[in-house]
Amino acid sequence: MRVFLKKMEAYAYEHHVPIMDRVASNFISVLLKIYTPKRILELGTGIGYSAIFMCNQCLSIEILTSYEINIERYEIAKKCIVVNLFTAKKLISFKKRF
């Protein structure tokens, strides 16, 4: 899993796509451990990095819904979710807003 996220980090850096940095991901990890949510609403999917990260950090998540307005990033996020088998076992719904 970490290898896949590293590839996503490299893509994001190369294509100037904002994703969570290490401080933010550590903070989110702590919050997920404390609150163990079943549902998450994310505004701004980007390439799906944070959605995949959160679903892999927190086993209690059953549904994650993420909205993205950029069609190119939306399509990349959908592909990344399909590639990531662990995350695909959860219901992740990406919504387009154009």
C-alpha atoms as a PDB file:
ATOM      1  CA  MET A   1       0.000   0.000   0.000  1.00  0.00           C
ATOM      2  CA  ARG A   2       2.747   2.443   0.903  1.00  0.00           C
ATOM      3  CA  VAL A   3       4.336   1.914  -2.519  1.00  0.00           C
ATOM      4  CA  PHE A   4       1.077   2.857  -4.237  1.00  0.00           C
ATOM      5  CA  LEU A   5       0.726   6.018  -2.145  1.00  0.00           C
ATOM      6  CA  LYS A   6       4.360   6.911  -2.920  1.00  0.00           C
ATOM      7  CA  LYS A   7       3.558   6.670  -6.641  1.00  0.00           C
ATOM      8  CA  MET A   8       0.553   8.925  -6.113  1.00  0.00           C
ATOM      9  CA  GLU A   9       2.743  11.408  -4.195  1.00  0.00           C
ATOM     10  CA  ALA A  10       5.228  11.490  -7.081  1.00  0.00           C
ATOM     11  CA  TYR A  11       2.427  12.028  -9.609  1.00  0.00           C
ATOM     12  CA  ALA A  12       0.939  14.811  -7.492  1.00  0.00           C
ATOM     13  CA  TYR A  13       4.290  16.547  -7.177  1.00  0.00           C
ATOM     14  CA  GLU A  14       5.029  16.251 -10.893  1.00  0.00           C
ATOM     15  CA  HIS A  15       1.576  17.510 -11.939  1.00  0.00           C
ATOM     16  CA  HIS A  16       1.151  20.143  -9.200  1.00  0.00           C
ATOM     17  CA  VAL A  17      -1.833  18.412  -7.594  1.00  0.00           C
ATOM     18  CA  PRO A  18      -2.233  19.332  -3.914  1.00  0.00           C
ATOM     19  CA  ILE A  19      -2.351  16.356  -1.537  1.00  0.00           C
ATOM     20  CA  MET A  20      -1.988  15.923   2.221  1.00  0.00           C
ATOM     21  CA  ASP A  21       1.510  16.462   3.545  1.00  0.00           C
ATOM     22  CA  ARG A  22       3.035  14.318   6.295  1.00  0.00           C
ATOM     23  CA  VAL A  23       1.885  16.593   9.121  1.00  0.00           C
ATOM     24  CA  ALA A  24      -1.707  16.603   7.867  1.00  0.00           C
ATOM     25  CA  SER A  25      -1.725  12.850   7.268  1.00  0.00           C
ATOM     26  CA  ASN A  26      -0.371  12.222  10.788  1.00  0.00           C
ATOM     27  CA  PHE A  27      -3.060  14.488  12.229  1.00  0.00           C
ATOM     28  CA  ILE A  28      -5.803  12.770  10.206  1.00  0.00           C
ATOM     29  CA  SER A  29      -4.483   9.366  11.344  1.00  0.00           C
ATOM     30  CA  VAL A  30      -4.820  10.410  14.979  1.00  0.00           C
ATOM     31  CA  LEU A  31      -8.351  11.722  14.414  1.00  0.00           C
ATOM     32  CA  LEU A  32      -9.360   8.506  12.648  1.00  0.00           C
ATOM     33  CA  LYS A  33      -8.031   6.417  15.547  1.00  0.00           C
ATOM     34  CA  ILE A  34      -9.865   8.541  18.112  1.00  0.00           C
ATOM     35  CA  TYR A  35     -13.232   8.822  16.379  1.00  0.00           C
ATOM     36  CA  THR A  36     -13.321   5.650  14.204  1.00  0.00           C
ATOM     37  CA  PRO A  37     -15.892   7.081  11.748  1.00  0.00           C
ATOM     38  CA  LYS A  38     -18.143   4.919   9.603  1.00  0.00           C
ATOM     39  CA  ARG A  39     -18.820   7.643   7.033  1.00  0.00           C
ATOM     40  CA  ILE A  40     -16.643  10.422   5.649  1.00  0.00           C
ATOM     41  CA  LEU A  41     -17.520  13.299   3.332  1.00  0.00           C
ATOM     42  CA  GLU A  42     -14.539  14.774   1.509  1.00  0.00           C
ATOM     43  CA  LEU A  43     -14.743  17.971  -0.511  1.00  0.00           C
ATOM     44  CA  GLY A  44     -12.018  18.060  -3.120  1.00  0.00           C
ATOM     45  CA  THR A  45     -10.949  14.614  -4.269  1.00  0.00           C
ATOM     46  CA  GLY A  46      -7.813  15.650  -6.107  1.00  0.00           C
ATOM     47  CA  ILE A  47      -6.393  12.361  -7.378  1.00  0.00           C
ATOM     48  CA  GLY A  48      -7.933  10.329  -4.548  1.00  0.00           C
ATOM     49  CA  TYR A  49      -4.834  10.258  -2.351  1.00  0.00           C
ATOM     50  CA  SER A  50      -6.507  11.268   0.899  1.00  0.00           C
ATOM     51  CA  ALA A  51      -9.514   8.986   0.300  1.00  0.00           C
ATOM     52  CA  ILE A  52      -7.242   5.984  -0.202  1.00  0.00           C
ATOM     53  CA  PHE A  53      -5.076   7.020   2.732  1.00  0.00           C
ATOM     54  CA  MET A  54      -8.041   7.380   5.112  1.00  0.00           C
ATOM     55  CA  CYS A  55      -9.659   4.101   4.085  1.00  0.00           C
ATOM     56  CA  ASN A  56      -6.407   2.259   4.632  1.00  0.00           C
ATOM     57  CA  GLN A  57      -5.798   3.924   8.002  1.00  0.00           C
ATOM     58  CA  CYS A  58      -9.253   3.330   9.467  1.00  0.00           C
ATOM     59  CA  LEU A  59     -10.997  -0.024   9.214  1.00  0.00           C
ATOM     60  CA  SER A  60     -14.265   1.378  10.580  1.00  0.00           C
ATOM     61  CA  ILE A  61     -14.928   3.456   7.442  1.00  0.00           C
ATOM     62  CA  GLU A  62     -17.775   1.933   5.461  1.00  0.00           C
ATOM     63  CA  ILE A  63     -18.613   4.804   3.119  1.00  0.00           C
ATOM     64  CA  LEU A  64     -16.455   7.649   1.874  1.00  0.00           C
ATOM     65  CA  THR A  65     -18.028  10.197  -0.481  1.00  0.00           C
ATOM     66  CA  SER A  66     -15.751  12.667  -2.213  1.00  0.00           C
ATOM     67  CA  TYR A  67     -16.626  15.564  -4.531  1.00  0.00           C
ATOM     68  CA  GLU A  68     -14.306  16.903  -7.239  1.00  0.00           C
ATOM     69  CA  ILE A  69     -14.898  19.700  -9.755  1.00  0.00           C
ATOM     70  CA  ASN A  70     -11.877  19.033 -11.997  1.00  0.00           C
ATOM     71  CA  ILE A  71     -12.836  16.358 -14.549  1.00  0.00           C
ATOM     72  CA  GLU A  72      -9.228  15.225 -15.154  1.00  0.00           C
ATOM     73  CA  ARG A  73      -8.559  14.716 -11.454  1.00  0.00           C
ATOM     74  CA  TYR A  74     -11.920  13.017 -11.040  1.00  0.00           C
ATOM     75  CA  GLU A  75     -11.002  10.460 -13.722  1.00  0.00           C
ATOM     76  CA  ILE A  76      -7.557   9.840 -12.209  1.00  0.00           C
ATOM     77  CA  ALA A  77      -9.082   9.336  -8.759  1.00  0.00           C
ATOM     78  CA  LYS A  78     -11.519   6.740 -10.129  1.00  0.00           C
ATOM     79  CA  LYS A  79      -8.631   4.809 -11.710  1.00  0.00           C
ATOM     80  CA  CYS A  80      -6.577   4.949  -8.524  1.00  0.00           C
ATOM     81  CA  ILE A  81      -9.446   3.527  -6.484  1.00  0.00           C
ATOM     82  CA  VAL A  82      -9.853   0.620  -8.908  1.00  0.00           C
ATOM     83  CA  VAL A  83      -6.112  -0.129  -8.702  1.00  0.00           C
ATOM     84  CA  ASN A  84      -6.161  -0.085  -4.899  1.00  0.00           C
ATOM     85  CA  LEU A  85      -7.928  -3.340  -4.038  1.00  0.00           C
ATOM     86  CA  PHE A  86      -8.135  -2.799  -0.273  1.00  0.00           C
ATOM     87  CA  THR A  87      -9.844   0.535  -0.658  1.00  0.00           C
ATOM     88  CA  ALA A  88     -12.140  -0.819  -3.369  1.00  0.00           C
ATOM     89  CA  LYS A  89     -13.664  -3.191  -0.782  1.00  0.00           C
ATOM     90  CA  LYS A  90     -15.206  -0.119   0.841  1.00  0.00           C
ATOM     91  CA  LEU A  91     -17.885   2.001  -0.760  1.00  0.00           C
ATOM     92  CA  ILE A  92     -16.108   5.030  -2.123  1.00  0.00           C
ATOM     93  CA  SER A  93     -18.233   7.324  -4.190  1.00  0.00           C
ATOM     94  CA  PHE A  94     -16.634  10.063  -6.257  1.00  0.00           C
ATOM     95  CA  LYS A  95     -19.038  12.723  -7.457  1.00  0.00           C
ATOM     96  CA  LYS A  96     -18.501  15.157 -10.297  1.00  0.00           C
ATOM     97  CA  ARG A  97     -19.436  18.796  -9.783  1.00  0.00           C
ATOM     98  CA  PHE A  98     -18.931  20.850 -12.947  1.00  0.00           C
END
